[in-house]
Amino acid sequence: MNFENKYPDISKMPFIILSGSSSEIGKAVKSARELAIAHNVFIMTGGTYQEQLDNTLTTKEEEIKYYGAVLFGKKDDVSAITKRFSLYTR
């Protein structure tokens, strides 16, 4: 058998997956905003794509349930925000 599993950048540009509660992720997102660190979130507000966008505009920040977030920035800056998170091990 010839497997073509080639992953030349597997360790060059790693993604570190950390685990935290919804409130911890929310705090990390707030810090990322304050420090102008590029980020995006994974939330579910129900309905279609457009309904979800509309729902986020009318939902109070403290009522949003965060399932995940992605932060992209300098290692030291991102690490300062995520230092209390644990490594995701599922």
N, C-alpha and C. Protein backbone atom coordinates (compact mmCIF):
# COMPACT_ATOMS: atom_id res chain seq x y z
N MET A 1 0.84 -1.19 0.00
CA MET A 1 0.00 0.00 0.00
C MET A 1 0.88 1.24 0.00
N ASN A 2 0.48 2.22 -0.78
CA ASN A 2 1.23 3.46 -0.84
C ASN A 2 0.35 4.58 -0.29
N PHE A 3 0.62 4.99 0.92
CA PHE A 3 -0.13 6.08 1.53
C PHE A 3 0.55 7.40 1.19
N GLU A 4 -0.22 8.37 0.83
CA GLU A 4 0.33 9.68 0.47
C GLU A 4 0.07 10.70 1.58
N ASN A 5 0.24 10.30 2.81
CA ASN A 5 0.03 11.19 3.95
C ASN A 5 1.27 12.04 4.16
N LYS A 6 1.28 13.19 3.54
CA LYS A 6 2.39 14.11 3.67
C LYS A 6 1.91 15.36 4.38
N TYR A 7 2.55 15.70 5.46
CA TYR A 7 2.18 16.88 6.25
C TYR A 7 3.43 17.69 6.54
N PRO A 8 3.97 18.40 5.55
CA PRO A 8 5.25 19.08 5.74
C PRO A 8 5.24 20.20 6.77
N ASP A 9 4.08 20.78 7.05
CA ASP A 9 4.01 21.91 7.99
C ASP A 9 3.36 21.54 9.31
N ILE A 10 3.31 20.26 9.62
CA ILE A 10 2.55 19.81 10.80
C ILE A 10 3.04 20.45 12.10
N SER A 11 4.32 20.71 12.22
CA SER A 11 4.84 21.33 13.44
C SER A 11 5.35 22.75 13.21
N LYS A 12 5.45 23.14 11.95
CA LYS A 12 5.95 24.47 11.63
C LYS A 12 4.98 25.56 12.07
N MET A 13 3.69 25.35 11.84
CA MET A 13 2.66 26.33 12.18
C MET A 13 1.59 25.63 13.01
N PRO A 14 1.90 25.27 14.26
CA PRO A 14 0.97 24.47 15.05
C PRO A 14 -0.23 25.28 15.56
N PHE A 15 -1.31 24.57 15.74
CA PHE A 15 -2.48 25.12 16.42
C PHE A 15 -2.51 24.46 17.78
N ILE A 16 -2.50 25.23 18.82
CA ILE A 16 -2.58 24.70 20.17
C ILE A 16 -4.05 24.81 20.59
N ILE A 17 -4.65 23.67 20.90
CA ILE A 17 -6.06 23.64 21.28
C ILE A 17 -6.15 23.57 22.80
N LEU A 18 -6.80 24.56 23.38
CA LEU A 18 -6.94 24.65 24.83
C LEU A 18 -8.41 24.50 25.21
N SER A 19 -8.64 24.20 26.46
CA SER A 19 -10.00 23.98 26.95
C SER A 19 -10.34 24.98 28.04
N GLY A 20 -11.58 25.47 27.99
CA GLY A 20 -12.04 26.39 29.03
C GLY A 20 -13.55 26.45 29.02
N SER A 21 -14.12 26.97 30.07
CA SER A 21 -15.57 27.11 30.16
C SER A 21 -16.03 28.27 29.27
N SER A 22 -17.33 28.34 29.05
CA SER A 22 -17.89 29.42 28.24
C SER A 22 -17.50 30.78 28.81
N SER A 23 -17.56 30.94 30.11
CA SER A 23 -17.22 32.25 30.71
C SER A 23 -15.73 32.55 30.57
N GLU A 24 -14.89 31.52 30.68
CA GLU A 24 -13.45 31.74 30.50
C GLU A 24 -13.13 32.15 29.07
N ILE A 25 -13.81 31.50 28.12
CA ILE A 25 -13.61 31.85 26.71
C ILE A 25 -14.09 33.28 26.46
N GLY A 26 -15.22 33.64 27.06
CA GLY A 26 -15.74 35.00 26.93
C GLY A 26 -14.75 36.03 27.45
N LYS A 27 -14.12 35.75 28.58
CA LYS A 27 -13.12 36.66 29.14
C LYS A 27 -11.91 36.78 28.20
N ALA A 28 -11.51 35.66 27.60
CA ALA A 28 -10.39 35.68 26.66
C ALA A 28 -10.73 36.52 25.43
N VAL A 29 -11.95 36.39 24.94
CA VAL A 29 -12.40 37.18 23.79
C VAL A 29 -12.40 38.66 24.14
N LYS A 30 -12.88 39.00 25.32
CA LYS A 30 -12.89 40.40 25.76
C LYS A 30 -11.46 40.94 25.82
N SER A 31 -10.54 40.16 26.35
CA SER A 31 -9.14 40.59 26.41
C SER A 31 -8.56 40.76 25.01
N ALA A 32 -8.89 39.83 24.12
CA ALA A 32 -8.40 39.93 22.74
C ALA A 32 -8.89 41.22 22.09
N ARG A 33 -10.15 41.55 22.32
CA ARG A 33 -10.70 42.81 21.77
C ARG A 33 -9.93 44.01 22.31
N GLU A 34 -9.74 44.02 23.63
CA GLU A 34 -9.07 45.15 24.28
C GLU A 34 -7.64 45.33 23.78
N LEU A 35 -6.97 44.22 23.47
CA LEU A 35 -5.58 44.26 23.02
C LEU A 35 -5.45 44.26 21.50
N ALA A 36 -6.57 44.36 20.80
CA ALA A 36 -6.60 44.37 19.33
C ALA A 36 -5.93 43.14 18.73
N ILE A 37 -6.17 41.98 19.36
CA ILE A 37 -5.67 40.71 18.84
C ILE A 37 -6.73 40.12 17.93
N ALA A 38 -6.33 39.71 16.74
CA ALA A 38 -7.28 39.12 15.80
C ALA A 38 -7.91 37.88 16.43
N HIS A 39 -9.23 37.76 16.27
CA HIS A 39 -9.94 36.63 16.89
C HIS A 39 -11.26 36.38 16.18
N ASN A 40 -11.81 35.22 16.44
CA ASN A 40 -13.16 34.87 15.99
C ASN A 40 -13.73 33.93 17.04
N VAL A 41 -15.04 33.80 17.07
CA VAL A 41 -15.69 32.97 18.09
C VAL A 41 -16.56 31.90 17.46
N PHE A 42 -16.84 30.88 18.24
CA PHE A 42 -17.77 29.82 17.87
C PHE A 42 -18.90 29.86 18.87
N ILE A 43 -20.06 30.34 18.42
CA ILE A 43 -21.25 30.43 19.25
C ILE A 43 -22.43 29.90 18.45
N MET A 44 -23.48 29.54 19.15
CA MET A 44 -24.70 29.10 18.49
C MET A 44 -25.86 29.91 19.07
N THR A 45 -26.56 30.60 18.19
CA THR A 45 -27.72 31.36 18.65
C THR A 45 -28.99 30.88 17.97
N GLY A 46 -28.89 29.81 17.20
CA GLY A 46 -30.06 29.20 16.56
C GLY A 46 -30.43 29.84 15.25
N GLY A 47 -31.08 29.05 14.42
CA GLY A 47 -31.59 29.57 13.15
C GLY A 47 -30.57 29.55 12.03
N THR A 48 -30.90 30.31 11.00
CA THR A 48 -30.05 30.40 9.82
C THR A 48 -28.84 31.27 10.10
N TYR A 49 -27.95 31.33 9.14
CA TYR A 49 -26.77 32.18 9.25
C TYR A 49 -27.17 33.62 9.56
N GLN A 50 -28.10 34.16 8.80
CA GLN A 50 -28.53 35.54 9.00
C GLN A 50 -29.20 35.71 10.36
N GLU A 51 -30.03 34.75 10.77
CA GLU A 51 -30.68 34.84 12.08
C GLU A 51 -29.65 34.82 13.21
N GLN A 52 -28.60 34.03 13.05
CA GLN A 52 -27.55 33.99 14.07
C GLN A 52 -26.85 35.35 14.15
N LEU A 53 -26.55 35.94 13.00
CA LEU A 53 -25.93 37.27 13.01
C LEU A 53 -26.85 38.29 13.69
N ASP A 54 -28.13 38.26 13.35
CA ASP A 54 -29.09 39.18 13.96
C ASP A 54 -29.20 38.94 15.47
N ASN A 55 -29.23 37.67 15.87
CA ASN A 55 -29.34 37.33 17.29
C ASN A 55 -28.16 37.83 18.11
N THR A 56 -26.96 37.80 17.53
CA THR A 56 -25.80 38.28 18.28
C THR A 56 -25.88 39.77 18.56
N LEU A 57 -26.58 40.50 17.68
CA LEU A 57 -26.71 41.94 17.87
C LEU A 57 -27.70 42.29 18.97
N THR A 58 -28.60 41.36 19.28
CA THR A 58 -29.63 41.65 20.28
C THR A 58 -29.45 40.84 21.57
N THR A 59 -28.36 40.10 21.67
CA THR A 59 -28.10 39.29 22.85
C THR A 59 -27.05 39.99 23.71
N LYS A 60 -27.32 40.10 24.99
CA LYS A 60 -26.35 40.70 25.90
C LYS A 60 -25.09 39.84 25.96
N GLU A 61 -23.96 40.49 26.06
CA GLU A 61 -22.67 39.78 26.08
C GLU A 61 -22.64 38.66 27.12
N GLU A 62 -23.15 38.93 28.29
CA GLU A 62 -23.11 37.93 29.37
C GLU A 62 -24.05 36.74 29.12
N GLU A 63 -24.94 36.85 28.15
CA GLU A 63 -25.85 35.76 27.82
C GLU A 63 -25.35 34.87 26.67
N ILE A 64 -24.26 35.27 26.04
CA ILE A 64 -23.72 34.48 24.92
C ILE A 64 -23.00 33.26 25.48
N LYS A 65 -23.29 32.10 24.91
CA LYS A 65 -22.59 30.87 25.30
C LYS A 65 -21.50 30.61 24.27
N TYR A 66 -20.27 30.68 24.74
CA TYR A 66 -19.12 30.46 23.86
C TYR A 66 -18.76 28.98 23.85
N TYR A 67 -18.58 28.45 22.66
CA TYR A 67 -18.13 27.06 22.50
C TYR A 67 -16.64 27.02 22.16
N GLY A 68 -16.13 28.11 21.64
CA GLY A 68 -14.72 28.17 21.30
C GLY A 68 -14.36 29.54 20.76
N ALA A 69 -13.06 29.75 20.64
CA ALA A 69 -12.55 31.00 20.07
C ALA A 69 -11.19 30.71 19.44
N VAL A 70 -10.87 31.51 18.47
CA VAL A 70 -9.57 31.44 17.82
C VAL A 70 -8.90 32.79 18.01
N LEU A 71 -7.67 32.78 18.50
CA LEU A 71 -6.90 34.00 18.66
C LEU A 71 -5.66 33.88 17.79
N PHE A 72 -5.32 34.96 17.09
CA PHE A 72 -4.15 34.97 16.24
C PHE A 72 -3.36 36.22 16.51
N GLY A 73 -2.16 36.03 17.03
CA GLY A 73 -1.31 37.17 17.34
C GLY A 73 0.05 36.72 17.79
N LYS A 74 0.79 37.64 18.33
CA LYS A 74 2.12 37.31 18.84
C LYS A 74 1.99 36.31 19.98
N LYS A 75 2.90 35.34 20.00
CA LYS A 75 2.83 34.25 20.98
C LYS A 75 2.71 34.77 22.40
N ASP A 76 3.53 35.74 22.78
CA ASP A 76 3.50 36.25 24.15
C ASP A 76 2.16 36.90 24.49
N ASP A 77 1.58 37.62 23.53
CA ASP A 77 0.29 38.28 23.76
C ASP A 77 -0.83 37.27 23.93
N VAL A 78 -0.88 36.28 23.03
CA VAL A 78 -1.92 35.25 23.11
C VAL A 78 -1.73 34.40 24.37
N SER A 79 -0.49 34.05 24.67
CA SER A 79 -0.21 33.23 25.85
C SER A 79 -0.62 33.93 27.14
N ALA A 80 -0.47 35.25 27.19
CA ALA A 80 -0.87 35.99 28.38
C ALA A 80 -2.37 35.87 28.62
N ILE A 81 -3.14 35.79 27.55
CA ILE A 81 -4.60 35.66 27.66
C ILE A 81 -5.00 34.23 28.00
N THR A 82 -4.29 33.25 27.45
CA THR A 82 -4.72 31.85 27.56
C THR A 82 -3.95 31.04 28.60
N LYS A 83 -3.13 31.68 29.40
CA LYS A 83 -2.25 30.95 30.32
C LYS A 83 -2.99 30.08 31.34
N ARG A 84 -4.21 30.41 31.64
CA ARG A 84 -4.96 29.63 32.64
C ARG A 84 -5.79 28.50 32.03
N PHE A 85 -5.81 28.42 30.71
CA PHE A 85 -6.54 27.36 30.04
C PHE A 85 -5.71 26.07 30.10
N SER A 86 -6.40 24.93 30.03
CA SER A 86 -5.68 23.65 30.02
C SER A 86 -5.67 23.09 28.60
N LEU A 87 -4.72 22.21 28.34
CA LEU A 87 -4.61 21.59 27.03
C LEU A 87 -5.82 20.71 26.77
N TYR A 88 -6.42 20.84 25.60
CA TYR A 88 -7.58 20.04 25.22
C TYR A 88 -7.11 18.61 24.97
N THR A 89 -7.73 17.63 25.65
CA THR A 89 -7.22 16.25 25.59
C THR A 89 -8.25 15.22 25.15
N ARG A 90 -9.34 15.58 24.60
CA ARG A 90 -10.34 14.57 24.21
C ARG A 90 -9.88 13.72 23.09
